[in-house]
C-alpha atoms as a PDB file:
ATOM      1  CA  UNK A   1     170.884 184.791  64.653  1.00  0.00           C
ATOM      2  CA  UNK A   2     172.471 182.542  62.205  1.00  0.00           C
ATOM      3  CA  UNK A   3     173.353 183.749  58.834  1.00  0.00           C
ATOM      4  CA  UNK A   4     173.268 181.396  55.956  1.00  0.00           C
ATOM      5  CA  UNK A   5     176.237 181.572  53.718  1.00  0.00           C
ATOM      6  CA  UNK A   6     175.334 181.664  50.124  1.00  0.00           C
ATOM      7  CA  UNK A   7     177.728 180.413  47.647  1.00  0.00           C
ATOM      8  CA  UNK A   8     177.980 182.337  44.422  1.00  0.00           C
ATOM      9  CA  UNK A   9     176.061 179.907  42.273  1.00  0.00           C
ATOM     10  CA  UNK A  10     176.239 180.862  38.659  1.00  0.00           C
ATOM     11  CA  UNK A  11     173.628 179.381  36.347  1.00  0.00           C
ATOM     12  CA  UNK A  12     169.921 179.044  35.874  1.00  0.00           C
ATOM     13  CA  UNK A  13     167.334 177.400  37.993  1.00  0.00           C
ATOM     14  CA  UNK A  14     165.366 174.462  36.674  1.00  0.00           C
ATOM     15  CA  UNK A  15     162.210 176.601  36.263  1.00  0.00           C
ATOM     16  CA  UNK A  16     164.077 179.160  34.149  1.00  0.00           C
ATOM     17  CA  UNK A  17     165.449 176.443  31.870  1.00  0.00           C
ATOM     18  CA  UNK A  18     162.008 174.828  31.384  1.00  0.00           C
ATOM     19  CA  UNK A  19     160.342 178.170  30.591  1.00  0.00           C
ATOM     20  CA  UNK A  20     163.079 179.001  28.083  1.00  0.00           C
ATOM     21  CA  UNK A  21     162.718 175.636  26.327  1.00  0.00           C
ATOM     22  CA  UNK A  22     158.905 175.973  26.118  1.00  0.00           C
ATOM     23  CA  UNK A  23     159.151 179.508  24.679  1.00  0.00           C
ATOM     24  CA  UNK A  24     161.785 178.418  22.162  1.00  0.00           C
ATOM     25  CA  UNK A  25     159.517 175.536  21.094  1.00  0.00           C
ATOM     26  CA  UNK A  26     156.542 177.844  20.584  1.00  0.00           C
ATOM     27  CA  UNK A  27     158.636 180.254  18.509  1.00  0.00           C
ATOM     28  CA  UNK A  28     160.045 177.377  16.444  1.00  0.00           C
ATOM     29  CA  UNK A  29     156.554 176.071  15.650  1.00  0.00           C
ATOM     30  CA  UNK A  30     155.400 179.562  14.626  1.00  0.00           C
ATOM     31  CA  UNK A  31     158.413 180.099  12.361  1.00  0.00           C
ATOM     32  CA  UNK A  32     158.063 176.656  10.776  1.00  0.00           C
ATOM     33  CA  UNK A  33     154.394 177.259  10.024  1.00  0.00           C
ATOM     34  CA  UNK A  34     155.077 180.668   8.505  1.00  0.00           C
ATOM     35  CA  UNK A  35     158.070 179.585   6.425  1.00  0.00           C
ATOM     36  CA  UNK A  36     156.388 176.362   5.258  1.00  0.00           C
ATOM     37  CA  UNK A  37     153.435 178.236   3.731  1.00  0.00           C
ATOM     38  CA  UNK A  38     155.802 180.762   2.165  1.00  0.00           C
ATOM     39  CA  UNK A  39     157.776 178.019   0.458  1.00  0.00           C
ATOM     40  CA  UNK A  40     154.742 176.179  -0.878  1.00  0.00           C
ATOM     41  CA  UNK A  41     152.981 179.318  -2.121  1.00  0.00           C
ATOM     42  CA  UNK A  42     156.084 180.656  -3.850  1.00  0.00           C
ATOM     43  CA  UNK A  43     156.215 177.608  -6.100  1.00  0.00           C
ATOM     44  CA  UNK A  44     152.573 178.071  -7.118  1.00  0.00           C
ATOM     45  CA  UNK A  45     153.409 181.520  -8.515  1.00  0.00           C
ATOM     46  CA  UNK A  46     156.213 180.027 -10.572  1.00  0.00           C
ATOM     47  CA  UNK A  47     153.903 177.311 -11.896  1.00  0.00           C
ATOM     48  CA  UNK A  48     151.271 179.870 -12.854  1.00  0.00           C
ATOM     49  CA  UNK A  49     153.871 181.980 -14.657  1.00  0.00           C
ATOM     50  CA  UNK A  50     155.032 178.898 -16.542  1.00  0.00           C
ATOM     51  CA  UNK A  51     151.444 178.075 -17.597  1.00  0.00           C
ATOM     52  CA  UNK A  52     150.870 181.663 -18.728  1.00  0.00           C
ATOM     53  CA  UNK A  53     154.062 181.593 -20.757  1.00  0.00           C
ATOM     54  CA  UNK A  54     152.996 178.340 -22.433  1.00  0.00           C
ATOM     55  CA  UNK A  55     149.611 179.838 -23.368  1.00  0.00           C
ATOM     56  CA  UNK A  56     151.328 182.888 -24.819  1.00  0.00           C
ATOM     57  CA  UNK A  57     153.674 180.620 -26.791  1.00  0.00           C
ATOM     58  CA  UNK A  58     150.699 178.746 -28.279  1.00  0.00           C
ATOM     59  CA  UNK A  59     149.134 182.042 -29.370  1.00  0.00           C
ATOM     60  CA  UNK A  60     152.451 183.144 -30.884  1.00  0.00           C
ATOM     61  CA  UNK A  61     152.585 179.862 -32.828  1.00  0.00           C
ATOM     62  CA  UNK A  62     149.050 180.449 -34.141  1.00  0.00           C
ATOM     63  CA  UNK A  63     149.894 184.024 -35.143  1.00  0.00           C
ATOM     64  CA  UNK A  64     153.126 182.962 -36.857  1.00  0.00           C
ATOM     65  CA  UNK A  65     151.267 180.277 -38.810  1.00  0.00           C
ATOM     66  CA  UNK A  66     148.656 182.888 -39.802  1.00  0.00           C
ATOM     67  CA  UNK A  67     151.389 185.302 -40.969  1.00  0.00           C
ATOM     68  CA  UNK A  68     153.205 182.656 -42.997  1.00  0.00           C
ATOM     69  CA  UNK A  69     150.341 180.656 -44.520  1.00  0.00           C
ATOM     70  CA  UNK A  70     146.842 182.005 -43.925  1.00  0.00           C
ATOM     71  CA  UNK A  71     146.741 185.796 -44.400  1.00  0.00           C
ATOM     72  CA  UNK A  72     144.485 185.359 -47.404  1.00  0.00           C
ATOM     73  CA  UNK A  73     142.646 182.260 -46.151  1.00  0.00           C
ATOM     74  CA  UNK A  74     141.001 182.751 -42.765  1.00  0.00           C
ATOM     75  CA  UNK A  75     138.741 179.738 -43.311  1.00  0.00           C
ATOM     76  CA  UNK A  76     141.840 177.533 -43.561  1.00  0.00           C
ATOM     77  CA  UNK A  77     143.315 178.648 -40.245  1.00  0.00           C
ATOM     78  CA  UNK A  78     139.868 178.489 -38.641  1.00  0.00           C
ATOM     79  CA  UNK A  79     139.665 174.832 -39.630  1.00  0.00           C
ATOM     80  CA  UNK A  80     143.207 174.125 -38.428  1.00  0.00           C
ATOM     81  CA  UNK A  81     142.663 175.811 -35.058  1.00  0.00           C
ATOM     82  CA  UNK A  82     139.260 174.196 -34.459  1.00  0.00           C
ATOM     83  CA  UNK A  83     140.738 170.743 -33.886  1.00  0.00           C
ATOM     84  CA  UNK A  84     143.528 171.050 -31.300  1.00  0.00           C
ATOM     85  CA  UNK A  85     143.607 167.270 -30.846  1.00  0.00           C
ATOM     86  CA  UNK A  86     144.883 166.832 -34.396  1.00  0.00           C
ATOM     87  CA  UNK A  87     147.797 169.161 -33.744  1.00  0.00           C
ATOM     88  CA  UNK A  88     151.175 167.604 -33.312  1.00  0.00           C
ATOM     89  CA  UNK A  89     153.793 168.816 -30.889  1.00  0.00           C
ATOM     90  CA  UNK A  90     155.635 172.007 -31.866  1.00  0.00           C
ATOM     91  CA  UNK A  91     157.116 173.044 -34.262  1.00  0.00           C
ATOM     92  CA  UNK A  92     154.547 171.346 -36.567  1.00  0.00           C
ATOM     93  CA  UNK A  93     151.605 172.245 -34.284  1.00  0.00           C
ATOM     94  CA  UNK A  94     150.806 174.965 -31.829  1.00  0.00           C
ATOM     95  CA  UNK A  95     151.026 173.224 -28.463  1.00  0.00           C
ATOM     96  CA  UNK A  96     148.447 172.202 -25.867  1.00  0.00           C
ATOM     97  CA  UNK A  97     145.394 174.458 -25.523  1.00  0.00           C
ATOM     98  CA  UNK A  98     141.631 174.391 -25.100  1.00  0.00           C
ATOM     99  CA  UNK A  99     139.639 176.244 -27.722  1.00  0.00           C
ATOM    100  CA  UNK A 100     137.136 178.728 -26.278  1.00  0.00           C
ATOM    101  CA  UNK A 101     136.055 180.680 -29.344  1.00  0.00           C
ATOM    102  CA  UNK A 102     136.863 180.334 -33.059  1.00  0.00           C
ATOM    103  CA  UNK A 103     134.273 182.347 -34.981  1.00  0.00           C
ATOM    104  CA  UNK A 104     134.036 185.056 -37.595  1.00  0.00           C
ATOM    105  CA  UNK A 105     132.835 188.344 -36.146  1.00  0.00           C
ATOM    106  CA  UNK A 106     131.573 191.643 -37.476  1.00  0.00           C
ATOM    107  CA  UNK A 107     131.826 194.950 -35.670  1.00  0.00           C
ATOM    108  CA  UNK A 108     128.644 196.971 -35.570  1.00  0.00           C
ATOM    109  CA  UNK A 109     128.709 200.676 -34.890  1.00  0.00           C
ATOM    110  CA  UNK A 110     125.894 202.994 -33.922  1.00  0.00           C
ATOM    111  CA  UNK A 111     124.094 205.671 -35.938  1.00  0.00           C
ATOM    112  CA  UNK A 112     126.622 208.340 -34.979  1.00  0.00           C
ATOM    113  CA  UNK A 113     129.719 206.277 -35.761  1.00  0.00           C
ATOM    114  CA  UNK A 114     128.952 203.461 -38.175  1.00  0.00           C
ATOM    115  CA  UNK A 115     131.627 200.834 -38.704  1.00  0.00           C
ATOM    116  CA  UNK A 116     131.790 199.161 -42.058  1.00  0.00           C
ATOM    117  CA  UNK A 117     134.008 196.117 -42.012  1.00  0.00           C
ATOM    118  CA  UNK A 118     132.682 194.767 -45.277  1.00  0.00           C
ATOM    119  CA  UNK A 119     132.414 190.993 -45.477  1.00  0.00           C
ATOM    120  CA  UNK A 120     131.554 189.443 -42.098  1.00  0.00           C
ATOM    121  CA  UNK A 121     134.186 186.772 -42.735  1.00  0.00           C
ATOM    122  CA  UNK A 122     137.042 189.284 -42.752  1.00  0.00           C
ATOM    123  CA  UNK A 123     137.723 189.057 -39.001  1.00  0.00           C
ATOM    124  CA  UNK A 124     138.355 185.823 -37.104  1.00  0.00           C
ATOM    125  CA  UNK A 125     138.225 185.868 -33.306  1.00  0.00           C
ATOM    126  CA  UNK A 126     140.259 183.101 -31.677  1.00  0.00           C
ATOM    127  CA  UNK A 127     140.197 182.566 -27.896  1.00  0.00           C
ATOM    128  CA  UNK A 128     142.168 179.811 -26.186  1.00  0.00           C
ATOM    129  CA  UNK A 129     142.664 178.864 -22.554  1.00  0.00           C
ATOM    130  CA  UNK A 130     145.012 176.707 -20.529  1.00  0.00           C
ATOM    131  CA  UNK A 131     144.398 174.278 -17.676  1.00  0.00           C
ATOM    132  CA  UNK A 132     144.567 177.115 -15.123  1.00  0.00           C
ATOM    133  CA  UNK A 133     141.591 178.814 -16.795  1.00  0.00           C
ATOM    134  CA  UNK A 134     143.552 181.762 -18.192  1.00  0.00           C
ATOM    135  CA  UNK A 135     142.187 182.969 -21.531  1.00  0.00           C
ATOM    136  CA  UNK A 136     143.956 184.693 -24.414  1.00  0.00           C
ATOM    137  CA  UNK A 137     142.189 186.204 -27.442  1.00  0.00           C
ATOM    138  CA  UNK A 138     143.441 187.384 -30.833  1.00  0.00           C
ATOM    139  CA  UNK A 139     141.707 188.938 -33.841  1.00  0.00           C
ATOM    140  CA  UNK A 140     142.947 187.804 -37.247  1.00  0.00           C
ATOM    141  CA  UNK A 141     141.970 189.814 -40.322  1.00  0.00           C
ATOM    142  CA  UNK A 142     141.820 188.841 -43.951  1.00  0.00           C
ATOM    143  CA  UNK A 143     144.521 190.485 -46.031  1.00  0.00           C
ATOM    144  CA  UNK A 144     143.326 191.124 -49.578  1.00  0.00           C
ATOM    145  CA  UNK A 145     146.112 191.421 -52.146  1.00  0.00           C
ATOM    146  CA  UNK A 146     145.442 193.141 -55.420  1.00  0.00           C
END
């Protein structure tokens, strides 16, 4: 019987190399898909935070204007807030917003706990929203000086 002499071949066969390349390609596609969605979604959170911060800044501008000029004149700030298109860019105006609610309100209690707020034009409810649909509300009260 003849014996075949095998040489000590070191290396991979062609089938092993092809299988390794196919598996590496599948893993690369999976990782690219996963990391691509992670990158795009992470920027949307930053954009939403930026929009929320801008809405909060607009409300702070409204509240500062109320504190400085309109504590005794809620009708004046109601008129100023009601037309956001006439506002200029900050610091003269408040910034970009969409007005949701700008009305005087009166709290009503029940028989057990009545609430007397006096004049129904003592409390102004202002609600604004941004382009993302987030809403922010503030209650402004009339300060009566004696």
